[in-house]
Amino acid sequence: MDMLFFDDIDKLGRIVLTAVLVYILIVIITKVSGKRSTSQLNNFDWVVTVMIGSLGASTILLENIPFIEGASSIIVLYVLQFLVTKYASISPQFSNVILSEPRIVFYQGQFLPEAMRAERLTRQELECAMRADGVRSFNDIEAIVFESDAKLTIITKPDSQPMTDTVSETLAPLTD
């Protein structure tokens, strides 16, 4: 109970200094590694990101992990992430192994219960994605796809009325 709020100024100094160094390291490596490391994450990217966060926290808080060892492990994960994603971008077979395939969960007015069950999705989650995209009715939707990054993509039906008629009717009063 003695160390509930404060233990030792040396430990505190080490934590502050290590936190600054780990922060700088992660910012630099993330910048160098590109948008992929901070974009919509698929399962594989998410696991690596969590591991990097855990290694960063361990390096900051645990005295028995020197900064160089923690930094090395973080750098190795970033390099492995780069190599795996690079290879996945050129090898469809490898990509299929590490990434999940998109799955249609709603198509032409029908919920696909087996697909929804397999992805553990509810009707409420599909409705939430619809609202986020400004779609009001399932009647306006051709399909809903559950993407490999766990995002729901709403594909709306094509308009039955040609766009040119709508545009000309809207602009007609302006040209008079």
N, C-alpha and C. Protein backbone atom coordinates (compact mmCIF):
# COMPACT_ATOMS: atom_id res chain seq x y z
N MET A 1 0.82 -1.19 0.00
CA MET A 1 0.00 0.00 0.00
C MET A 1 0.86 1.26 0.00
N ASP A 2 2.15 1.10 0.40
CA ASP A 2 3.04 2.26 0.46
C ASP A 2 3.27 2.86 -0.93
N MET A 3 3.29 2.02 -1.98
CA MET A 3 3.63 2.49 -3.31
C MET A 3 2.40 2.75 -4.17
N LEU A 4 1.28 3.05 -3.58
CA LEU A 4 0.06 3.26 -4.34
C LEU A 4 0.16 4.47 -5.26
N PHE A 5 0.70 5.58 -4.79
CA PHE A 5 0.79 6.79 -5.60
C PHE A 5 2.20 7.12 -6.06
N PHE A 6 3.19 6.73 -5.30
CA PHE A 6 4.56 7.10 -5.68
C PHE A 6 5.54 6.15 -5.01
N ASP A 7 6.54 5.74 -5.78
CA ASP A 7 7.51 4.81 -5.26
C ASP A 7 8.90 5.44 -5.18
N ASP A 8 9.43 5.84 -6.34
CA ASP A 8 10.81 6.27 -6.38
C ASP A 8 10.99 7.25 -7.53
N ILE A 9 11.70 8.33 -7.30
CA ILE A 9 11.93 9.35 -8.33
C ILE A 9 12.75 8.78 -9.49
N ASP A 10 13.67 7.86 -9.23
CA ASP A 10 14.47 7.25 -10.30
C ASP A 10 13.58 6.42 -11.23
N LYS A 11 12.66 5.63 -10.65
CA LYS A 11 11.73 4.85 -11.46
C LYS A 11 10.85 5.77 -12.31
N LEU A 12 10.38 6.83 -11.69
CA LEU A 12 9.53 7.77 -12.41
C LEU A 12 10.30 8.41 -13.57
N GLY A 13 11.53 8.80 -13.32
CA GLY A 13 12.36 9.38 -14.37
C GLY A 13 12.59 8.40 -15.51
N ARG A 14 12.86 7.13 -15.18
CA ARG A 14 13.06 6.10 -16.20
C ARG A 14 11.80 5.92 -17.04
N ILE A 15 10.65 5.88 -16.38
CA ILE A 15 9.37 5.71 -17.09
C ILE A 15 9.12 6.88 -18.04
N VAL A 16 9.33 8.10 -17.55
CA VAL A 16 9.11 9.28 -18.40
C VAL A 16 10.05 9.28 -19.60
N LEU A 17 11.32 9.05 -19.37
CA LEU A 17 12.30 9.04 -20.45
C LEU A 17 12.00 7.92 -21.45
N THR A 18 11.71 6.73 -20.96
CA THR A 18 11.42 5.60 -21.84
C THR A 18 10.13 5.85 -22.62
N ALA A 19 9.12 6.43 -21.98
CA ALA A 19 7.86 6.74 -22.68
C ALA A 19 8.12 7.70 -23.84
N VAL A 20 8.93 8.72 -23.61
CA VAL A 20 9.26 9.68 -24.68
C VAL A 20 9.98 8.96 -25.81
N LEU A 21 10.96 8.12 -25.49
CA LEU A 21 11.72 7.41 -26.51
C LEU A 21 10.84 6.43 -27.30
N VAL A 22 9.99 5.68 -26.61
CA VAL A 22 9.10 4.73 -27.29
C VAL A 22 8.11 5.48 -28.16
N TYR A 23 7.59 6.59 -27.68
CA TYR A 23 6.67 7.41 -28.46
C TYR A 23 7.33 7.88 -29.75
N ILE A 24 8.52 8.44 -29.63
CA ILE A 24 9.25 8.93 -30.81
C ILE A 24 9.51 7.77 -31.78
N LEU A 25 9.94 6.62 -31.25
CA LEU A 25 10.21 5.45 -32.08
C LEU A 25 8.96 5.04 -32.86
N ILE A 26 7.83 4.91 -32.17
CA ILE A 26 6.61 4.46 -32.83
C ILE A 26 6.12 5.49 -33.85
N VAL A 27 6.21 6.77 -33.54
CA VAL A 27 5.80 7.80 -34.51
C VAL A 27 6.67 7.73 -35.76
N ILE A 28 7.96 7.62 -35.59
CA ILE A 28 8.87 7.57 -36.75
C ILE A 28 8.63 6.31 -37.57
N ILE A 29 8.55 5.17 -36.92
CA ILE A 29 8.36 3.91 -37.66
C ILE A 29 7.00 3.90 -38.35
N THR A 30 5.97 4.41 -37.70
CA THR A 30 4.65 4.46 -38.32
C THR A 30 4.68 5.37 -39.55
N LYS A 31 5.36 6.48 -39.46
CA LYS A 31 5.48 7.39 -40.60
C LYS A 31 6.22 6.71 -41.74
N VAL A 32 7.32 6.03 -41.44
CA VAL A 32 8.12 5.36 -42.46
C VAL A 32 7.35 4.19 -43.07
N SER A 33 6.59 3.47 -42.25
CA SER A 33 5.89 2.27 -42.75
C SER A 33 4.69 2.61 -43.62
N GLY A 34 4.21 3.82 -43.58
CA GLY A 34 3.14 4.24 -44.48
C GLY A 34 1.75 4.12 -43.89
N LYS A 35 0.80 4.41 -44.74
CA LYS A 35 -0.60 4.49 -44.34
C LYS A 35 -1.17 3.17 -43.85
N ARG A 36 -0.62 2.09 -44.34
CA ARG A 36 -1.15 0.76 -44.01
C ARG A 36 -1.21 0.54 -42.50
N SER A 37 -0.21 1.05 -41.77
CA SER A 37 -0.16 0.78 -40.33
C SER A 37 -1.22 1.55 -39.53
N THR A 38 -1.87 2.52 -40.16
CA THR A 38 -2.90 3.27 -39.43
C THR A 38 -4.23 3.31 -40.17
N SER A 39 -4.36 2.53 -41.25
CA SER A 39 -5.59 2.53 -42.02
C SER A 39 -6.61 1.60 -41.36
N GLN A 40 -7.72 1.39 -42.06
CA GLN A 40 -8.69 0.41 -41.58
C GLN A 40 -7.96 -0.92 -41.42
N LEU A 41 -8.03 -1.48 -40.25
CA LEU A 41 -7.25 -2.68 -39.97
C LEU A 41 -8.04 -3.96 -40.23
N ASN A 42 -7.41 -4.91 -40.90
CA ASN A 42 -7.97 -6.25 -40.96
C ASN A 42 -7.52 -6.99 -39.70
N ASN A 43 -7.94 -8.22 -39.54
CA ASN A 43 -7.59 -8.97 -38.32
C ASN A 43 -6.09 -9.08 -38.12
N PHE A 44 -5.37 -9.36 -39.18
CA PHE A 44 -3.93 -9.53 -39.10
C PHE A 44 -3.26 -8.23 -38.64
N ASP A 45 -3.62 -7.11 -39.26
CA ASP A 45 -3.05 -5.81 -38.88
C ASP A 45 -3.38 -5.46 -37.43
N TRP A 46 -4.61 -5.77 -37.02
CA TRP A 46 -5.04 -5.45 -35.66
C TRP A 46 -4.20 -6.19 -34.63
N VAL A 47 -3.95 -7.47 -34.87
CA VAL A 47 -3.15 -8.26 -33.93
C VAL A 47 -1.74 -7.68 -33.80
N VAL A 48 -1.13 -7.33 -34.93
CA VAL A 48 0.21 -6.75 -34.89
C VAL A 48 0.21 -5.41 -34.16
N THR A 49 -0.81 -4.60 -34.39
CA THR A 49 -0.91 -3.30 -33.71
C THR A 49 -1.03 -3.48 -32.20
N VAL A 50 -1.83 -4.44 -31.78
CA VAL A 50 -1.96 -4.71 -30.33
C VAL A 50 -0.63 -5.19 -29.76
N MET A 51 0.06 -6.05 -30.51
CA MET A 51 1.37 -6.52 -30.03
C MET A 51 2.36 -5.36 -29.88
N ILE A 52 2.37 -4.44 -30.83
CA ILE A 52 3.27 -3.29 -30.76
C ILE A 52 2.92 -2.43 -29.55
N GLY A 53 1.64 -2.23 -29.31
CA GLY A 53 1.23 -1.47 -28.13
C GLY A 53 1.65 -2.15 -26.84
N SER A 54 1.51 -3.45 -26.79
CA SER A 54 1.91 -4.20 -25.60
C SER A 54 3.42 -4.12 -25.38
N LEU A 55 4.18 -4.26 -26.46
CA LEU A 55 5.64 -4.15 -26.34
C LEU A 55 6.05 -2.74 -25.91
N GLY A 56 5.39 -1.74 -26.45
CA GLY A 56 5.69 -0.37 -26.04
C GLY A 56 5.41 -0.16 -24.56
N ALA A 57 4.26 -0.63 -24.10
CA ALA A 57 3.92 -0.48 -22.68
C ALA A 57 4.88 -1.25 -21.78
N SER A 58 5.23 -2.45 -22.20
CA SER A 58 6.17 -3.25 -21.41
C SER A 58 7.54 -2.57 -21.33
N THR A 59 7.99 -2.03 -22.45
CA THR A 59 9.28 -1.34 -22.48
C THR A 59 9.26 -0.12 -21.56
N ILE A 60 8.16 0.57 -21.52
CA ILE A 60 8.04 1.77 -20.69
C ILE A 60 7.99 1.40 -19.20
N LEU A 61 7.19 0.41 -18.85
CA LEU A 61 6.91 0.15 -17.43
C LEU A 61 7.80 -0.89 -16.76
N LEU A 62 8.32 -1.83 -17.50
CA LEU A 62 9.09 -2.91 -16.87
C LEU A 62 10.58 -2.58 -16.86
N GLU A 63 11.14 -2.54 -15.68
CA GLU A 63 12.56 -2.19 -15.53
C GLU A 63 13.50 -3.22 -16.15
N ASN A 64 13.07 -4.47 -16.21
CA ASN A 64 13.96 -5.51 -16.72
C ASN A 64 13.97 -5.58 -18.25
N ILE A 65 13.28 -4.66 -18.93
CA ILE A 65 13.33 -4.58 -20.39
C ILE A 65 13.99 -3.27 -20.77
N PRO A 66 15.27 -3.32 -21.16
CA PRO A 66 15.95 -2.09 -21.58
C PRO A 66 15.33 -1.53 -22.86
N PHE A 67 15.45 -0.24 -23.04
CA PHE A 67 14.87 0.42 -24.21
C PHE A 67 15.31 -0.24 -25.52
N ILE A 68 16.57 -0.55 -25.66
CA ILE A 68 17.08 -1.13 -26.92
C ILE A 68 16.40 -2.47 -27.22
N GLU A 69 16.18 -3.28 -26.21
CA GLU A 69 15.50 -4.56 -26.42
C GLU A 69 14.04 -4.35 -26.83
N GLY A 70 13.35 -3.46 -26.14
CA GLY A 70 11.96 -3.17 -26.49
C GLY A 70 11.85 -2.55 -27.88
N ALA A 71 12.76 -1.61 -28.18
CA ALA A 71 12.75 -0.96 -29.49
C ALA A 71 13.03 -1.98 -30.59
N SER A 72 13.95 -2.89 -30.34
CA SER A 72 14.28 -3.92 -31.33
C SER A 72 13.06 -4.80 -31.62
N SER A 73 12.34 -5.18 -30.58
CA SER A 73 11.17 -6.03 -30.79
C SER A 73 10.08 -5.29 -31.57
N ILE A 74 9.91 -4.00 -31.29
CA ILE A 74 8.92 -3.19 -32.02
C ILE A 74 9.33 -3.07 -33.49
N ILE A 75 10.59 -2.79 -33.74
CA ILE A 75 11.09 -2.66 -35.11
C ILE A 75 10.92 -3.98 -35.87
N VAL A 76 11.23 -5.10 -35.22
CA VAL A 76 11.08 -6.40 -35.86
C VAL A 76 9.62 -6.63 -36.27
N LEU A 77 8.67 -6.28 -35.41
CA LEU A 77 7.26 -6.46 -35.77
C LEU A 77 6.87 -5.59 -36.96
N TYR A 78 7.33 -4.33 -36.97
CA TYR A 78 7.04 -3.47 -38.12
C TYR A 78 7.65 -4.05 -39.41
N VAL A 79 8.87 -4.55 -39.33
CA VAL A 79 9.51 -5.13 -40.52
C VAL A 79 8.75 -6.37 -40.97
N LEU A 80 8.39 -7.24 -40.03
CA LEU A 80 7.61 -8.43 -40.39
C LEU A 80 6.27 -8.04 -41.01
N GLN A 81 5.62 -7.05 -40.43
CA GLN A 81 4.34 -6.57 -40.96
C GLN A 81 4.52 -6.08 -42.39
N PHE A 82 5.57 -5.32 -42.63
CA PHE A 82 5.85 -4.82 -43.98
C PHE A 82 6.08 -5.98 -44.94
N LEU A 83 6.91 -6.94 -44.55
CA LEU A 83 7.23 -8.06 -45.44
C LEU A 83 6.00 -8.92 -45.74
N VAL A 84 5.21 -9.19 -44.72
CA VAL A 84 4.01 -10.02 -44.92
C VAL A 84 3.02 -9.31 -45.82
N THR A 85 2.77 -8.03 -45.58
CA THR A 85 1.80 -7.31 -46.41
C THR A 85 2.32 -7.10 -47.83
N LYS A 86 3.62 -6.91 -47.97
CA LYS A 86 4.22 -6.78 -49.31
C LYS A 86 4.03 -8.08 -50.09
N TYR A 87 4.34 -9.21 -49.45
CA TYR A 87 4.19 -10.50 -50.12
C TYR A 87 2.71 -10.79 -50.41
N ALA A 88 1.83 -10.42 -49.49
CA ALA A 88 0.39 -10.63 -49.71
C ALA A 88 -0.11 -9.82 -50.90
N SER A 89 0.50 -8.66 -51.15
CA SER A 89 0.06 -7.83 -52.27
C SER A 89 0.48 -8.41 -53.62
N ILE A 90 1.47 -9.31 -53.63
CA ILE A 90 1.90 -9.91 -54.90
C ILE A 90 1.50 -11.38 -55.02
N SER A 91 1.06 -11.99 -53.94
CA SER A 91 0.68 -13.40 -53.97
C SER A 91 -0.76 -13.57 -53.48
N PRO A 92 -1.70 -13.77 -54.41
CA PRO A 92 -3.10 -13.97 -53.99
C PRO A 92 -3.28 -15.18 -53.07
N GLN A 93 -2.50 -16.24 -53.29
CA GLN A 93 -2.63 -17.43 -52.44
C GLN A 93 -2.24 -17.10 -50.99
N PHE A 94 -1.12 -16.39 -50.83
CA PHE A 94 -0.68 -16.00 -49.49
C PHE A 94 -1.68 -15.03 -48.87
N SER A 95 -2.18 -14.10 -49.66
CA SER A 95 -3.16 -13.13 -49.17
C SER A 95 -4.40 -13.84 -48.64
N ASN A 96 -4.84 -14.89 -49.35
CA ASN A 96 -6.01 -15.65 -48.90
C ASN A 96 -5.77 -16.34 -47.57
N VAL A 97 -4.52 -16.70 -47.29
CA VAL A 97 -4.20 -17.37 -46.03
C VAL A 97 -4.28 -16.40 -44.85
N ILE A 98 -3.76 -15.19 -45.02
CA ILE A 98 -3.68 -14.28 -43.88
C ILE A 98 -4.85 -13.30 -43.77
N LEU A 99 -5.55 -13.04 -44.87
CA LEU A 99 -6.67 -12.10 -44.84
C LEU A 99 -7.99 -12.83 -45.01
N SER A 100 -9.02 -12.31 -44.36
CA SER A 100 -10.33 -12.92 -44.54
C SER A 100 -10.97 -12.33 -45.80
N GLU A 101 -11.82 -13.12 -46.42
CA GLU A 101 -12.50 -12.70 -47.64
C GLU A 101 -13.73 -11.85 -47.29
N PRO A 102 -14.05 -10.88 -48.13
CA PRO A 102 -15.31 -10.15 -47.93
C PRO A 102 -16.48 -11.13 -48.09
N ARG A 103 -17.59 -10.84 -47.40
CA ARG A 103 -18.75 -11.73 -47.48
C ARG A 103 -20.02 -10.91 -47.61
N ILE A 104 -20.86 -11.30 -48.55
CA ILE A 104 -22.15 -10.64 -48.73
C ILE A 104 -23.08 -11.14 -47.63
N VAL A 105 -23.70 -10.19 -46.89
CA VAL A 105 -24.60 -10.57 -45.79
C VAL A 105 -26.05 -10.15 -46.05
N PHE A 106 -26.25 -9.37 -47.12
CA PHE A 106 -27.60 -8.95 -47.53
C PHE A 106 -27.54 -8.79 -49.04
N TYR A 107 -28.53 -9.38 -49.76
CA TYR A 107 -28.49 -9.29 -51.22
C TYR A 107 -29.91 -9.27 -51.77
N GLN A 108 -30.19 -8.25 -52.58
CA GLN A 108 -31.46 -8.08 -53.28
C GLN A 108 -32.67 -8.31 -52.37
N GLY A 109 -32.69 -7.57 -51.28
CA GLY A 109 -33.83 -7.61 -50.37
C GLY A 109 -33.85 -8.75 -49.38
N GLN A 110 -32.84 -9.58 -49.39
CA GLN A 110 -32.82 -10.75 -48.51
C GLN A 110 -31.61 -10.72 -47.58
N PHE A 111 -31.88 -10.92 -46.29
CA PHE A 111 -30.78 -11.16 -45.35
C PHE A 111 -30.24 -12.55 -45.63
N LEU A 112 -28.95 -12.72 -45.49
CA LEU A 112 -28.35 -14.04 -45.68
C LEU A 112 -27.95 -14.56 -44.30
N PRO A 113 -28.88 -15.29 -43.64
CA PRO A 113 -28.69 -15.67 -42.23
C PRO A 113 -27.43 -16.48 -41.97
N GLU A 114 -27.08 -17.40 -42.87
CA GLU A 114 -25.87 -18.19 -42.65
C GLU A 114 -24.63 -17.31 -42.66
N ALA A 115 -24.57 -16.39 -43.60
CA ALA A 115 -23.43 -15.47 -43.68
C ALA A 115 -23.39 -14.55 -42.46
N MET A 116 -24.56 -14.06 -42.04
CA MET A 116 -24.62 -13.18 -40.87
C MET A 116 -24.20 -13.94 -39.61
N ARG A 117 -24.65 -15.18 -39.49
CA ARG A 117 -24.27 -16.00 -38.33
C ARG A 117 -22.77 -16.27 -38.33
N ALA A 118 -22.23 -16.60 -39.49
CA ALA A 118 -20.79 -16.91 -39.59
C ALA A 118 -19.94 -15.69 -39.22
N GLU A 119 -20.42 -14.50 -39.55
CA GLU A 119 -19.69 -13.27 -39.25
C GLU A 119 -20.12 -12.65 -37.91
N ARG A 120 -21.10 -13.28 -37.26
CA ARG A 120 -21.63 -12.81 -35.97
C ARG A 120 -22.16 -11.38 -36.08
N LEU A 121 -22.96 -11.14 -37.11
CA LEU A 121 -23.56 -9.83 -37.34
C LEU A 121 -25.05 -9.88 -37.03
N THR A 122 -25.58 -8.75 -36.56
CA THR A 122 -27.01 -8.65 -36.29
C THR A 122 -27.65 -7.67 -37.28
N ARG A 123 -28.95 -7.75 -37.38
CA ARG A 123 -29.69 -6.82 -38.23
C ARG A 123 -29.43 -5.37 -37.78
N GLN A 124 -29.34 -5.16 -36.47
CA GLN A 124 -29.10 -3.82 -35.94
C GLN A 124 -27.77 -3.25 -36.45
N GLU A 125 -26.75 -4.09 -36.58
CA GLU A 125 -25.46 -3.62 -37.08
C GLU A 125 -25.55 -3.22 -38.56
N LEU A 126 -26.34 -3.96 -39.33
CA LEU A 126 -26.55 -3.59 -40.73
C LEU A 126 -27.32 -2.27 -40.82
N GLU A 127 -28.33 -2.11 -39.97
CA GLU A 127 -29.09 -0.87 -39.95
C GLU A 127 -28.21 0.32 -39.54
N CYS A 128 -27.31 0.11 -38.62
CA CYS A 128 -26.38 1.16 -38.19
C CYS A 128 -25.51 1.59 -39.38
N ALA A 129 -25.00 0.63 -40.14
CA ALA A 129 -24.18 0.95 -41.32
C ALA A 129 -25.01 1.70 -42.35
N MET A 130 -26.27 1.33 -42.50
CA MET A 130 -27.16 2.04 -43.43
C MET A 130 -27.31 3.50 -43.01
N ARG A 131 -27.59 3.72 -41.73
CA ARG A 131 -27.76 5.10 -41.25
C ARG A 131 -26.48 5.90 -41.46
N ALA A 132 -25.33 5.28 -41.21
CA ALA A 132 -24.05 5.97 -41.39
C ALA A 132 -23.84 6.39 -42.85
N ASP A 133 -24.38 5.60 -43.79
CA ASP A 133 -24.26 5.92 -45.21
C ASP A 133 -25.44 6.74 -45.73
N GLY A 134 -26.38 7.08 -44.85
CA GLY A 134 -27.52 7.89 -45.25
C GLY A 134 -28.57 7.13 -46.04
N VAL A 135 -28.60 5.81 -45.90
CA VAL A 135 -29.58 4.98 -46.59
C VAL A 135 -30.73 4.71 -45.63
N ARG A 136 -31.96 4.95 -46.09
CA ARG A 136 -33.11 4.88 -45.19
C ARG A 136 -33.84 3.55 -45.21
N SER A 137 -33.72 2.80 -46.31
CA SER A 137 -34.54 1.60 -46.44
C SER A 137 -33.74 0.47 -47.07
N PHE A 138 -34.05 -0.74 -46.63
CA PHE A 138 -33.44 -1.92 -47.25
C PHE A 138 -33.85 -2.03 -48.71
N ASN A 139 -34.99 -1.42 -49.08
CA ASN A 139 -35.44 -1.44 -50.47
C ASN A 139 -34.49 -0.69 -51.40
N ASP A 140 -33.69 0.21 -50.84
CA ASP A 140 -32.74 0.99 -51.65
C ASP A 140 -31.39 0.28 -51.82
N ILE A 141 -31.27 -0.89 -51.23
CA ILE A 141 -29.96 -1.55 -51.18
C ILE A 141 -29.93 -2.77 -52.10
N GLU A 142 -28.88 -2.84 -52.89
CA GLU A 142 -28.62 -4.02 -53.72
C GLU A 142 -27.93 -5.10 -52.87
N ALA A 143 -26.90 -4.67 -52.10
CA ALA A 143 -26.15 -5.64 -51.28
C ALA A 143 -25.45 -4.92 -50.13
N ILE A 144 -25.16 -5.69 -49.09
CA ILE A 144 -24.30 -5.24 -48.00
C ILE A 144 -23.18 -6.26 -47.88
N VAL A 145 -21.95 -5.75 -47.90
CA VAL A 145 -20.77 -6.61 -47.87
C VAL A 145 -20.02 -6.37 -46.57
N PHE A 146 -19.67 -7.44 -45.87
CA PHE A 146 -18.83 -7.37 -44.68
C PHE A 146 -17.39 -7.54 -45.16
N GLU A 147 -16.63 -6.45 -45.13
CA GLU A 147 -15.29 -6.42 -45.71
C GLU A 147 -14.26 -7.10 -44.81
N SER A 148 -13.07 -7.33 -45.36
CA SER A 148 -12.01 -8.00 -44.59
C SER A 148 -11.50 -7.13 -43.45
N ASP A 149 -11.77 -5.80 -43.49
CA ASP A 149 -11.37 -4.92 -42.40
C ASP A 149 -12.52 -4.71 -41.40
N ALA A 150 -13.55 -5.54 -41.48
CA ALA A 150 -14.72 -5.53 -40.60
C ALA A 150 -15.63 -4.33 -40.82
N LYS A 151 -15.49 -3.67 -41.95
CA LYS A 151 -16.37 -2.55 -42.30
C LYS A 151 -17.52 -3.10 -43.14
N LEU A 152 -18.71 -2.54 -42.94
CA LEU A 152 -19.86 -2.91 -43.75
C LEU A 152 -19.98 -1.92 -44.91
N THR A 153 -19.97 -2.44 -46.13
CA THR A 153 -20.11 -1.61 -47.31
C THR A 153 -21.53 -1.75 -47.84
N ILE A 154 -22.20 -0.62 -48.01
CA ILE A 154 -23.56 -0.60 -48.53
C ILE A 154 -23.50 -0.31 -50.03
N ILE A 155 -24.06 -1.21 -50.83
CA ILE A 155 -24.13 -1.00 -52.28
C ILE A 155 -25.59 -0.74 -52.61
N THR A 156 -25.87 0.50 -53.00
CA THR A 156 -27.25 0.88 -53.28
C THR A 156 -27.66 0.47 -54.68
N LYS A 157 -28.97 0.35 -54.88
CA LYS A 157 -29.51 0.02 -56.20
C LYS A 157 -29.32 1.22 -57.11
N PRO A 158 -29.12 0.96 -58.39
CA PRO A 158 -29.04 2.09 -59.32
C PRO A 158 -30.39 2.79 -59.38
N ASP A 159 -30.36 4.12 -59.55
CA ASP A 159 -31.62 4.88 -59.65
C ASP A 159 -32.40 4.43 -60.87
N SER A 160 -33.71 4.34 -60.72
CA SER A 160 -34.53 3.94 -61.85
C SER A 160 -34.71 5.09 -62.84
N GLN A 161 -34.61 6.33 -62.35
CA GLN A 161 -34.75 7.49 -63.21
C GLN A 161 -33.37 7.97 -63.64
N PRO A 162 -33.17 8.21 -64.94
CA PRO A 162 -31.85 8.66 -65.39
C PRO A 162 -31.46 9.98 -64.74
N MET A 163 -30.20 10.12 -64.41
CA MET A 163 -29.68 11.31 -63.75
C MET A 163 -29.85 12.55 -64.62
N THR A 164 -29.73 12.43 -65.93
CA THR A 164 -29.80 13.61 -66.80
C THR A 164 -31.16 14.29 -66.74
N ASP A 165 -32.26 13.49 -66.63
CA ASP A 165 -33.59 14.10 -66.53
C ASP A 165 -33.71 14.90 -65.24
N THR A 166 -33.23 14.34 -64.14
CA THR A 166 -33.30 15.03 -62.86
C THR A 166 -32.47 16.30 -62.89
N VAL A 167 -31.27 16.23 -63.46
CA VAL A 167 -30.40 17.40 -63.51
C VAL A 167 -31.01 18.48 -64.39
N SER A 168 -31.57 18.11 -65.57
CA SER A 168 -32.13 19.13 -66.44
C SER A 168 -33.36 19.79 -65.82
N GLU A 169 -34.18 18.99 -65.09
CA GLU A 169 -35.35 19.58 -64.44
C GLU A 169 -34.92 20.55 -63.34
N THR A 170 -33.86 20.22 -62.64
CA THR A 170 -33.39 21.07 -61.56
C THR A 170 -32.78 22.35 -62.10
N LEU A 171 -32.06 22.26 -63.21
CA LEU A 171 -31.37 23.42 -63.77
C LEU A 171 -32.27 24.27 -64.65
N ALA A 172 -33.40 23.74 -65.15
CA ALA A 172 -34.27 24.48 -66.07
C ALA A 172 -34.69 25.83 -65.54
N PRO A 173 -35.14 25.97 -64.28
CA PRO A 173 -35.54 27.28 -63.77
C PRO A 173 -34.35 28.26 -63.72
N LEU A 174 -33.16 27.76 -63.57
CA LEU A 174 -31.99 28.64 -63.48
C LEU A 174 -31.58 29.21 -64.82
N THR A 175 -31.93 28.53 -65.91
CA THR A 175 -31.51 29.00 -67.24
C THR A 175 -32.53 29.91 -67.88
N ASP A 176 -33.72 30.07 -67.32
CA ASP A 176 -34.75 30.94 -67.89
C ASP A 176 -34.40 32.40 -67.78
